[in-house]
Amino acid sequence: MVRVSSKETGRFGFICSIHGKQMMGTAKAGMLPASKVTGERMENAEQNSFTQV
């Protein structure tokens, strides 16, 4: 998990495929190299800890 402690502006690109409850793909941020991204849908939406700013 990556935690961000300060607000920064930047461009982020995601290319992902969703199959059932699984998500897989890549993410790219500015000049940094692309990184693999994986995720799984949570059973209960109330468990989601993300907040929109």
PDB file of N, CA and C in Angstrom:
ATOM      1  N   MET A   1       0.840  -1.164   0.000  1.00  0.00           N
ATOM      2  CA  MET A   1       0.000   0.000   0.000  1.00  0.00           C
ATOM      3  C   MET A   1       0.892   1.236   0.000  1.00  0.00           C
ATOM      4  N   VAL A   2       0.498   2.243  -0.752  1.00  0.00           N
ATOM      5  CA  VAL A   2       1.239   3.497  -0.821  1.00  0.00           C
ATOM      6  C   VAL A   2       0.395   4.586  -0.186  1.00  0.00           C
ATOM      7  N   ARG A   3       0.974   5.302   0.742  1.00  0.00           N
ATOM      8  CA  ARG A   3       0.263   6.415   1.386  1.00  0.00           C
ATOM      9  C   ARG A   3       0.895   7.716   0.899  1.00  0.00           C
ATOM     10  N   VAL A   4       0.045   8.667   0.565  1.00  0.00           N
ATOM     11  CA  VAL A   4       0.517   9.971   0.112  1.00  0.00           C
ATOM     12  C   VAL A   4       0.264  10.969   1.224  1.00  0.00           C
ATOM     13  N   SER A   5       1.324  11.679   1.636  1.00  0.00           N
ATOM     14  CA  SER A   5       1.188  12.596   2.768  1.00  0.00           C
ATOM     15  C   SER A   5       1.084  14.056   2.344  1.00  0.00           C
ATOM     16  N   SER A   6       1.297  14.359   1.084  1.00  0.00           N
ATOM     17  CA  SER A   6       1.148  15.735   0.617  1.00  0.00           C
ATOM     18  C   SER A   6       0.443  15.746  -0.724  1.00  0.00           C
ATOM     19  N   LYS A   7      -0.235  16.846  -1.001  1.00  0.00           N
ATOM     20  CA  LYS A   7      -0.956  16.943  -2.261  1.00  0.00           C
ATOM     21  C   LYS A   7       0.003  17.378  -3.359  1.00  0.00           C
ATOM     22  N   GLU A   8       0.003  16.648  -4.441  1.00  0.00           N
ATOM     23  CA  GLU A   8       0.832  16.938  -5.602  1.00  0.00           C
ATOM     24  C   GLU A   8      -0.059  16.875  -6.832  1.00  0.00           C
ATOM     25  N   THR A   9       0.241  17.692  -7.809  1.00  0.00           N
ATOM     26  CA  THR A   9      -0.472  17.567  -9.067  1.00  0.00           C
ATOM     27  C   THR A   9       0.364  16.723 -10.004  1.00  0.00           C
ATOM     28  N   GLY A  10      -0.289  15.971 -10.845  1.00  0.00           N
ATOM     29  CA  GLY A  10       0.440  15.133 -11.776  1.00  0.00           C
ATOM     30  C   GLY A  10      -0.511  14.384 -12.674  1.00  0.00           C
ATOM     31  N   ARG A  11       0.066  13.761 -13.666  1.00  0.00           N
ATOM     32  CA  ARG A  11      -0.720  12.956 -14.594  1.00  0.00           C
ATOM     33  C   ARG A  11      -0.497  11.486 -14.282  1.00  0.00           C
ATOM     34  N   PHE A  12      -1.594  10.762 -14.223  1.00  0.00           N
ATOM     35  CA  PHE A  12      -1.542   9.333 -13.978  1.00  0.00           C
ATOM     36  C   PHE A  12      -2.353   8.632 -15.057  1.00  0.00           C
ATOM     37  N   GLY A  13      -1.832   7.563 -15.588  1.00  0.00           N
ATOM     38  CA  GLY A  13      -2.542   6.791 -16.599  1.00  0.00           C
ATOM     39  C   GLY A  13      -2.701   5.355 -16.148  1.00  0.00           C
ATOM     40  N   PHE A  14      -3.879   4.794 -16.379  1.00  0.00           N
ATOM     41  CA  PHE A  14      -4.168   3.421 -15.997  1.00  0.00           C
ATOM     42  C   PHE A  14      -4.731   2.681 -17.201  1.00  0.00           C
ATOM     43  N   ILE A  15      -4.264   1.469 -17.414  1.00  0.00           N
ATOM     44  CA  ILE A  15      -4.842   0.564 -18.401  1.00  0.00           C
ATOM     45  C   ILE A  15      -5.128  -0.728 -17.653  1.00  0.00           C
ATOM     46  N   CYS A  16      -6.405  -1.038 -17.483  1.00  0.00           N
ATOM     47  CA  CYS A  16      -6.788  -2.195 -16.670  1.00  0.00           C
ATOM     48  C   CYS A  16      -7.878  -3.005 -17.349  1.00  0.00           C
ATOM     49  N   SER A  17      -7.899  -4.284 -17.042  1.00  0.00           N
ATOM     50  CA  SER A  17      -8.962  -5.194 -17.470  1.00  0.00           C
ATOM     51  C   SER A  17      -9.661  -5.697 -16.227  1.00  0.00           C
ATOM     52  N   ILE A  18     -10.971  -5.842 -16.319  1.00  0.00           N
ATOM     53  CA  ILE A  18     -11.746  -6.353 -15.190  1.00  0.00           C
ATOM     54  C   ILE A  18     -12.412  -7.647 -15.615  1.00  0.00           C
ATOM     55  N   HIS A  19     -12.180  -8.694 -14.834  1.00  0.00           N
ATOM     56  CA  HIS A  19     -12.767 -10.005 -15.077  1.00  0.00           C
ATOM     57  C   HIS A  19     -13.418 -10.455 -13.779  1.00  0.00           C
ATOM     58  N   GLY A  20     -14.740 -10.392 -13.729  1.00  0.00           N
ATOM     59  CA  GLY A  20     -15.446 -10.753 -12.497  1.00  0.00           C
ATOM     60  C   GLY A  20     -15.087  -9.792 -11.379  1.00  0.00           C
ATOM     61  N   LYS A  21     -14.474 -10.297 -10.321  1.00  0.00           N
ATOM     62  CA  LYS A  21     -14.076  -9.470  -9.182  1.00  0.00           C
ATOM     63  C   LYS A  21     -12.604  -9.047  -9.240  1.00  0.00           C
ATOM     64  N   GLN A  22     -11.875  -9.477 -10.269  1.00  0.00           N
ATOM     65  CA  GLN A  22     -10.448  -9.202 -10.376  1.00  0.00           C
ATOM     66  C   GLN A  22     -10.155  -8.060 -11.353  1.00  0.00           C
ATOM     67  N   MET A  23      -9.182  -7.203 -11.020  1.00  0.00           N
ATOM     68  CA  MET A  23      -8.715  -6.138 -11.895  1.00  0.00           C
ATOM     69  C   MET A  23      -7.208  -6.290 -12.045  1.00  0.00           C
ATOM     70  N   MET A  24      -6.714  -6.198 -13.285  1.00  0.00           N
ATOM     71  CA  MET A  24      -5.287  -6.311 -13.558  1.00  0.00           C
ATOM     72  C   MET A  24      -4.907  -5.322 -14.648  1.00  0.00           C
ATOM     73  N   GLY A  25      -3.703  -4.770 -14.568  1.00  0.00           N
ATOM     74  CA  GLY A  25      -3.247  -3.866 -15.606  1.00  0.00           C
ATOM     75  C   GLY A  25      -1.977  -3.154 -15.212  1.00  0.00           C
ATOM     76  N   THR A  26      -1.783  -1.952 -15.796  1.00  0.00           N
ATOM     77  CA  THR A  26      -0.591  -1.156 -15.504  1.00  0.00           C
ATOM     78  C   THR A  26      -0.989   0.278 -15.183  1.00  0.00           C
ATOM     79  N   ALA A  27      -0.125   0.950 -14.439  1.00  0.00           N
ATOM     80  CA  ALA A  27      -0.307   2.359 -14.094  1.00  0.00           C
ATOM     81  C   ALA A  27       0.989   3.084 -14.408  1.00  0.00           C
ATOM     82  N   LYS A  28       0.883   4.301 -14.880  1.00  0.00           N
ATOM     83  CA  LYS A  28       2.063   5.102 -15.217  1.00  0.00           C
ATOM     84  C   LYS A  28       1.866   6.488 -14.632  1.00  0.00           C
ATOM     85  N   ALA A  29       2.897   7.017 -14.001  1.00  0.00           N
ATOM     86  CA  ALA A  29       2.857   8.345 -13.391  1.00  0.00           C
ATOM     87  C   ALA A  29       4.042   9.162 -13.878  1.00  0.00           C
ATOM     88  N   GLY A  30       3.755  10.158 -14.703  1.00  0.00           N
ATOM     89  CA  GLY A  30       4.804  11.057 -15.180  1.00  0.00           C
ATOM     90  C   GLY A  30       5.967  10.328 -15.809  1.00  0.00           C
ATOM     91  N   MET A  31       7.187  10.653 -15.362  1.00  0.00           N
ATOM     92  CA  MET A  31       8.400  10.064 -15.925  1.00  0.00           C
ATOM     93  C   MET A  31       8.750   8.710 -15.305  1.00  0.00           C
ATOM     94  N   LEU A  32       8.017   8.283 -14.298  1.00  0.00           N
ATOM     95  CA  LEU A  32       8.297   7.001 -13.653  1.00  0.00           C
ATOM     96  C   LEU A  32       7.927   5.857 -14.588  1.00  0.00           C
ATOM     97  N   PRO A  33       8.584   4.702 -14.440  1.00  0.00           N
ATOM     98  CA  PRO A  33       8.237   3.558 -15.293  1.00  0.00           C
ATOM     99  C   PRO A  33       6.859   3.000 -14.935  1.00  0.00           C
ATOM    100  N   ALA A  34       6.252   2.292 -15.870  1.00  0.00           N
ATOM    101  CA  ALA A  34       4.949   1.678 -15.629  1.00  0.00           C
ATOM    102  C   ALA A  34       5.072   0.615 -14.531  1.00  0.00           C
ATOM    103  N   SER A  35       4.014   0.473 -13.754  1.00  0.00           N
ATOM    104  CA  SER A  35       3.972  -0.510 -12.670  1.00  0.00           C
ATOM    105  C   SER A  35       2.736  -1.381 -12.832  1.00  0.00           C
ATOM    106  N   LYS A  36       2.832  -2.628 -12.394  1.00  0.00           N
ATOM    107  CA  LYS A  36       1.686  -3.533 -12.431  1.00  0.00           C
ATOM    108  C   LYS A  36       0.678  -3.122 -11.362  1.00  0.00           C
ATOM    109  N   VAL A  37      -0.602  -3.272 -11.705  1.00  0.00           N
ATOM    110  CA  VAL A  37      -1.697  -2.957 -10.788  1.00  0.00           C
ATOM    111  C   VAL A  37      -2.606  -4.171 -10.715  1.00  0.00           C
ATOM    112  N   THR A  38      -2.980  -4.572  -9.501  1.00  0.00           N
ATOM    113  CA  THR A  38      -3.956  -5.639  -9.322  1.00  0.00           C
ATOM    114  C   THR A  38      -4.927  -5.225  -8.236  1.00  0.00           C
ATOM    115  N   GLY A  39      -6.121  -5.754  -8.290  1.00  0.00           N
ATOM    116  CA  GLY A  39      -7.098  -5.440  -7.265  1.00  0.00           C
ATOM    117  C   GLY A  39      -8.226  -6.449  -7.270  1.00  0.00           C
ATOM    118  N   GLU A  40      -9.002  -6.440  -6.210  1.00  0.00           N
ATOM    119  CA  GLU A  40     -10.139  -7.342  -6.077  1.00  0.00           C
ATOM    120  C   GLU A  40     -11.299  -6.574  -5.485  1.00  0.00           C
ATOM    121  N   ARG A  41     -12.494  -6.759  -6.057  1.00  0.00           N
ATOM    122  CA  ARG A  41     -13.688  -6.069  -5.571  1.00  0.00           C
ATOM    123  C   ARG A  41     -14.004  -6.516  -4.149  1.00  0.00           C
ATOM    124  N   MET A  42     -14.339  -5.552  -3.308  1.00  0.00           N
ATOM    125  CA  MET A  42     -14.682  -5.852  -1.931  1.00  0.00           C
ATOM    126  C   MET A  42     -16.146  -6.290  -1.863  1.00  0.00           C
ATOM    127  N   GLU A  43     -16.464  -7.174  -0.956  1.00  0.00           N
ATOM    128  CA  GLU A  43     -17.821  -7.696  -0.819  1.00  0.00           C
ATOM    129  C   GLU A  43     -18.812  -6.619  -0.390  1.00  0.00           C
ATOM    130  N   ASN A  44     -18.416  -5.775   0.547  1.00  0.00           N
ATOM    131  CA  ASN A  44     -19.316  -4.776   1.104  1.00  0.00           C
ATOM    132  C   ASN A  44     -18.751  -3.396   0.793  1.00  0.00           C
ATOM    133  N   ALA A  45     -19.517  -2.560   0.101  1.00  0.00           N
ATOM    134  CA  ALA A  45     -19.024  -1.221  -0.291  1.00  0.00           C
ATOM    135  C   ALA A  45     -18.666  -0.365   0.916  1.00  0.00           C
ATOM    136  N   GLU A  46     -19.273  -0.621   2.068  1.00  0.00           N
ATOM    137  CA  GLU A  46     -18.969   0.148   3.270  1.00  0.00           C
ATOM    138  C   GLU A  46     -17.559  -0.132   3.781  1.00  0.00           C
ATOM    139  N   GLN A  47     -16.928  -1.196   3.328  1.00  0.00           N
ATOM    140  CA  GLN A  47     -15.567  -1.532   3.743  1.00  0.00           C
ATOM    141  C   GLN A  47     -14.549  -0.655   3.020  1.00  0.00           C
ATOM    142  N   ASN A  48     -14.968   0.029   1.959  1.00  0.00           N
ATOM    143  CA  ASN A  48     -14.065   0.851   1.165  1.00  0.00           C
ATOM    144  C   ASN A  48     -13.539   1.999   2.013  1.00  0.00           C
ATOM    145  N   SER A  49     -12.211   2.124   2.136  1.00  0.00           N
ATOM    146  CA  SER A  49     -11.611   3.145   2.986  1.00  0.00           C
ATOM    147  C   SER A  49     -11.159   4.370   2.203  1.00  0.00           C
ATOM    148  N   PHE A  50     -11.406   4.416   0.888  1.00  0.00           N
ATOM    149  CA  PHE A  50     -10.993   5.558   0.089  1.00  0.00           C
ATOM    150  C   PHE A  50     -11.962   6.717   0.298  1.00  0.00           C
ATOM    151  N   THR A  51     -11.425   7.916   0.334  1.00  0.00           N
ATOM    152  CA  THR A  51     -12.258   9.113   0.420  1.00  0.00           C
ATOM    153  C   THR A  51     -11.919  10.020  -0.748  1.00  0.00           C
ATOM    154  N   GLN A  52     -12.938  10.654  -1.283  1.00  0.00           N
ATOM    155  CA  GLN A  52     -12.735  11.546  -2.422  1.00  0.00           C
ATOM    156  C   GLN A  52     -12.478  12.946  -1.911  1.00  0.00           C
ATOM    157  N   VAL A  53     -11.459  13.610  -2.460  1.00  0.00           N
ATOM    158  CA  VAL A  53     -11.099  14.957  -2.028  1.00  0.00           C
ATOM    159  C   VAL A  53     -11.606  15.957  -3.032  1.00  0.00           C
TER     160      VAL A  53
END
